Amino acid sequence: QVQLVESGGGLVQPGGSLRLSCAASGFIFSIYPMRWYRQPPGKDRELVATITSTGRLTTYVDSVKGRFTISRDNNKNTVYLQMNSLKPEDTAVYYCNTVSGKNDYWGQGTQVTVPS
């Protein structure tokens, strides 16, 4: 079955960096676009970044442009989110996601906390 397992979250001071990883299994990772979402406390989940199956094209929400980088390693079935210059407003649970047909797959999430 499809599994997405995020890791790499934690507590980091403003201006710091973290790299999130999402290990995928149970599907042909290399042919699917991948996404990172986040859900801040008390708010709706929002799309943060996307990457095409080959990794050639990426998109970002305006609030993270220039600070976050999404990438993938199709040999390792893993998608990454490098987060630099972190701000308190980046505090959220971060999820990776992919869609296959009518199925929408999510990991369990990893908490990122940037104190103010």
C-alpha atoms as a PDB file:
ATOM      1  CA  GLN A   1       0.000   0.000   0.000  1.00  0.00           C
ATOM      2  CA  VAL A   2       1.029   3.592  -0.481  1.00  0.00           C
ATOM      3  CA  GLN A   3       3.023   5.044   2.404  1.00  0.00           C
ATOM      4  CA  LEU A   4       4.435   8.517   2.872  1.00  0.00           C
ATOM      5  CA  VAL A   5       6.605   9.047   5.943  1.00  0.00           C
ATOM      6  CA  GLU A   6       7.793  12.537   6.814  1.00  0.00           C
ATOM      7  CA  SER A   7      10.744  13.305   9.040  1.00  0.00           C
ATOM      8  CA  GLY A   8      13.092  16.146   9.897  1.00  0.00           C
ATOM      9  CA  GLY A   9      10.816  18.491  11.804  1.00  0.00           C
ATOM     10  CA  GLY A  10      11.709  20.077  15.089  1.00  0.00           C
ATOM     11  CA  LEU A  11      12.213  23.264  17.058  1.00  0.00           C
ATOM     12  CA  VAL A  12      14.403  25.852  15.367  1.00  0.00           C
ATOM     13  CA  GLN A  13      15.135  29.484  16.182  1.00  0.00           C
ATOM     14  CA  PRO A  14      14.078  32.252  13.772  1.00  0.00           C
ATOM     15  CA  GLY A  15      16.514  32.481  10.908  1.00  0.00           C
ATOM     16  CA  GLY A  16      17.457  28.840  11.204  1.00  0.00           C
ATOM     17  CA  SER A  17      17.105  25.993   8.740  1.00  0.00           C
ATOM     18  CA  LEU A  18      15.556  22.549   8.566  1.00  0.00           C
ATOM     19  CA  ARG A  19      15.351  19.916   5.878  1.00  0.00           C
ATOM     20  CA  LEU A  20      12.233  17.800   5.767  1.00  0.00           C
ATOM     21  CA  SER A  21      12.201  14.412   4.080  1.00  0.00           C
ATOM     22  CA  CYS A  22       9.311  12.311   2.850  1.00  0.00           C
ATOM     23  CA  ALA A  23      10.058   8.667   2.117  1.00  0.00           C
ATOM     24  CA  ALA A  24       7.580   7.086  -0.282  1.00  0.00           C
ATOM     25  CA  SER A  25       6.726   3.449  -0.901  1.00  0.00           C
ATOM     26  CA  GLY A  26       4.022   1.345  -2.457  1.00  0.00           C
ATOM     27  CA  PHE A  27       3.827   3.170  -5.781  1.00  0.00           C
ATOM     28  CA  ILE A  28       6.030   4.142  -8.713  1.00  0.00           C
ATOM     29  CA  PHE A  29       7.398   7.293  -7.117  1.00  0.00           C
ATOM     30  CA  SER A  30       9.274   8.518 -10.183  1.00  0.00           C
ATOM     31  CA  ILE A  31       6.160   9.134 -12.264  1.00  0.00           C
ATOM     32  CA  TYR A  32       4.172  11.186  -9.765  1.00  0.00           C
ATOM     33  CA  PRO A  33       4.323  14.866  -8.904  1.00  0.00           C
ATOM     34  CA  MET A  34       4.743  15.498  -5.201  1.00  0.00           C
ATOM     35  CA  ARG A  35       3.592  18.271  -2.917  1.00  0.00           C
ATOM     36  CA  TRP A  36       4.355  19.663   0.488  1.00  0.00           C
ATOM     37  CA  TYR A  37       1.488  21.154   2.500  1.00  0.00           C
ATOM     38  CA  ARG A  38       1.429  22.690   5.958  1.00  0.00           C
ATOM     39  CA  GLN A  39      -1.220  23.329   8.579  1.00  0.00           C
ATOM     40  CA  PRO A  40      -0.516  26.052  11.121  1.00  0.00           C
ATOM     41  CA  PRO A  41      -2.259  25.757  14.489  1.00  0.00           C
ATOM     42  CA  GLY A  42      -5.923  26.696  14.191  1.00  0.00           C
ATOM     43  CA  LYS A  43      -5.708  27.294  10.452  1.00  0.00           C
ATOM     44  CA  ASP A  44      -6.493  25.440   7.248  1.00  0.00           C
ATOM     45  CA  ARG A  45      -3.982  23.294   5.455  1.00  0.00           C
ATOM     46  CA  GLU A  46      -2.171  25.177   2.673  1.00  0.00           C
ATOM     47  CA  LEU A  47      -0.106  24.092  -0.298  1.00  0.00           C
ATOM     48  CA  VAL A  48       3.532  25.110   0.162  1.00  0.00           C
ATOM     49  CA  ALA A  49       5.439  23.632  -2.773  1.00  0.00           C
ATOM     50  CA  THR A  50       5.071  21.248  -5.693  1.00  0.00           C
ATOM     51  CA  ILE A  51       7.517  19.357  -7.879  1.00  0.00           C
ATOM     52  CA  THR A  52       6.982  17.495 -11.113  1.00  0.00           C
ATOM     53  CA  SER A  53       7.849  13.837 -11.505  1.00  0.00           C
ATOM     54  CA  THR A  54      11.236  14.617 -13.042  1.00  0.00           C
ATOM     55  CA  GLY A  55      11.993  17.427 -10.643  1.00  0.00           C
ATOM     56  CA  ARG A  56      12.436  19.942 -13.430  1.00  0.00           C
ATOM     57  CA  LEU A  57       9.544  22.185 -12.468  1.00  0.00           C
ATOM     58  CA  THR A  58       8.704  23.505  -9.017  1.00  0.00           C
ATOM     59  CA  THR A  59       6.191  25.964  -7.618  1.00  0.00           C
ATOM     60  CA  TYR A  60       5.930  27.736  -4.271  1.00  0.00           C
ATOM     61  CA  VAL A  61       3.421  29.721  -2.284  1.00  0.00           C
ATOM     62  CA  ASP A  62       4.484  33.367  -2.231  1.00  0.00           C
ATOM     63  CA  SER A  63       5.230  33.377   1.484  1.00  0.00           C
ATOM     64  CA  VAL A  64       8.097  30.865   1.114  1.00  0.00           C
ATOM     65  CA  LYS A  65       9.577  31.871  -2.238  1.00  0.00           C
ATOM     66  CA  GLY A  66      13.309  32.420  -1.963  1.00  0.00           C
ATOM     67  CA  ARG A  67      13.474  30.616   1.389  1.00  0.00           C
ATOM     68  CA  PHE A  68      12.213  27.069   0.722  1.00  0.00           C
ATOM     69  CA  THR A  69      13.386  24.601  -1.913  1.00  0.00           C
ATOM     70  CA  ILE A  70      11.574  21.424  -2.895  1.00  0.00           C
ATOM     71  CA  SER A  71      13.598  18.637  -4.484  1.00  0.00           C
ATOM     72  CA  ARG A  72      13.406  14.909  -5.026  1.00  0.00           C
ATOM     73  CA  ASP A  73      15.624  11.882  -5.456  1.00  0.00           C
ATOM     74  CA  ASN A  74      13.826   9.325  -7.579  1.00  0.00           C
ATOM     75  CA  ASN A  75      16.510   6.744  -6.823  1.00  0.00           C
ATOM     76  CA  LYS A  76      15.705   7.005  -3.129  1.00  0.00           C
ATOM     77  CA  ASN A  77      11.925   7.509  -3.508  1.00  0.00           C
ATOM     78  CA  THR A  78      12.226  10.618  -1.382  1.00  0.00           C
ATOM     79  CA  VAL A  79      11.068  14.210  -1.665  1.00  0.00           C
ATOM     80  CA  TYR A  80      12.676  16.976   0.372  1.00  0.00           C
ATOM     81  CA  LEU A  81      11.824  20.449   1.578  1.00  0.00           C
ATOM     82  CA  GLN A  82      14.814  22.595   2.463  1.00  0.00           C
ATOM     83  CA  MET A  83      13.622  25.456   4.649  1.00  0.00           C
ATOM     84  CA  ASN A  84      15.922  28.411   5.285  1.00  0.00           C
ATOM     85  CA  SER A  85      15.443  31.737   7.060  1.00  0.00           C
ATOM     86  CA  LEU A  86      12.615  30.255   9.078  1.00  0.00           C
ATOM     87  CA  LYS A  87      10.067  32.574  10.649  1.00  0.00           C
ATOM     88  CA  PRO A  88       7.549  32.080  13.469  1.00  0.00           C
ATOM     89  CA  GLU A  89       4.779  32.073  10.870  1.00  0.00           C
ATOM     90  CA  ASP A  90       6.304  28.915   9.369  1.00  0.00           C
ATOM     91  CA  THR A  91       5.244  27.029  12.497  1.00  0.00           C
ATOM     92  CA  ALA A  92       2.980  24.195  11.315  1.00  0.00           C
ATOM     93  CA  VAL A  93       2.622  20.506  10.772  1.00  0.00           C
ATOM     94  CA  TYR A  94       4.146  19.746   7.374  1.00  0.00           C
ATOM     95  CA  TYR A  95       2.729  16.985   5.180  1.00  0.00           C
ATOM     96  CA  CYS A  96       3.801  15.448   1.924  1.00  0.00           C
ATOM     97  CA  ASN A  97       1.159  14.442  -0.571  1.00  0.00           C
ATOM     98  CA  THR A  98       0.583  12.809  -3.900  1.00  0.00           C
ATOM     99  CA  VAL A  99      -2.484  12.066  -5.946  1.00  0.00           C
ATOM    100  CA  SER A 100      -3.034   8.921  -7.972  1.00  0.00           C
ATOM    101  CA  GLY A 101      -6.267   8.871  -9.907  1.00  0.00           C
ATOM    102  CA  LYS A 102      -9.043   9.399  -7.371  1.00  0.00           C
ATOM    103  CA  ASN A 103      -6.781   8.625  -4.441  1.00  0.00           C
ATOM    104  CA  ASP A 104      -5.202  11.364  -2.372  1.00  0.00           C
ATOM    105  CA  TYR A 105      -2.310  10.136  -0.219  1.00  0.00           C
ATOM    106  CA  TRP A 106      -0.905  11.839   2.859  1.00  0.00           C
ATOM    107  CA  GLY A 107       1.823  11.204   5.361  1.00  0.00           C
ATOM    108  CA  GLN A 108       1.359  11.545   9.103  1.00  0.00           C
ATOM    109  CA  GLY A 109       3.051  14.943   9.180  1.00  0.00           C
ATOM    110  CA  THR A 110       6.062  16.382  10.949  1.00  0.00           C
ATOM    111  CA  GLN A 111       5.925  19.334  13.335  1.00  0.00           C
ATOM    112  CA  VAL A 112       8.009  22.419  12.677  1.00  0.00           C
ATOM    113  CA  THR A 113       8.113  25.012  15.441  1.00  0.00           C
ATOM    114  CA  VAL A 114       9.764  28.417  15.130  1.00  0.00           C
ATOM    115  CA  PRO A 115       9.262  30.389  18.363  1.00  0.00           C
ATOM    116  CA  SER A 116       8.615  34.114  18.278  1.00  0.00           C
END
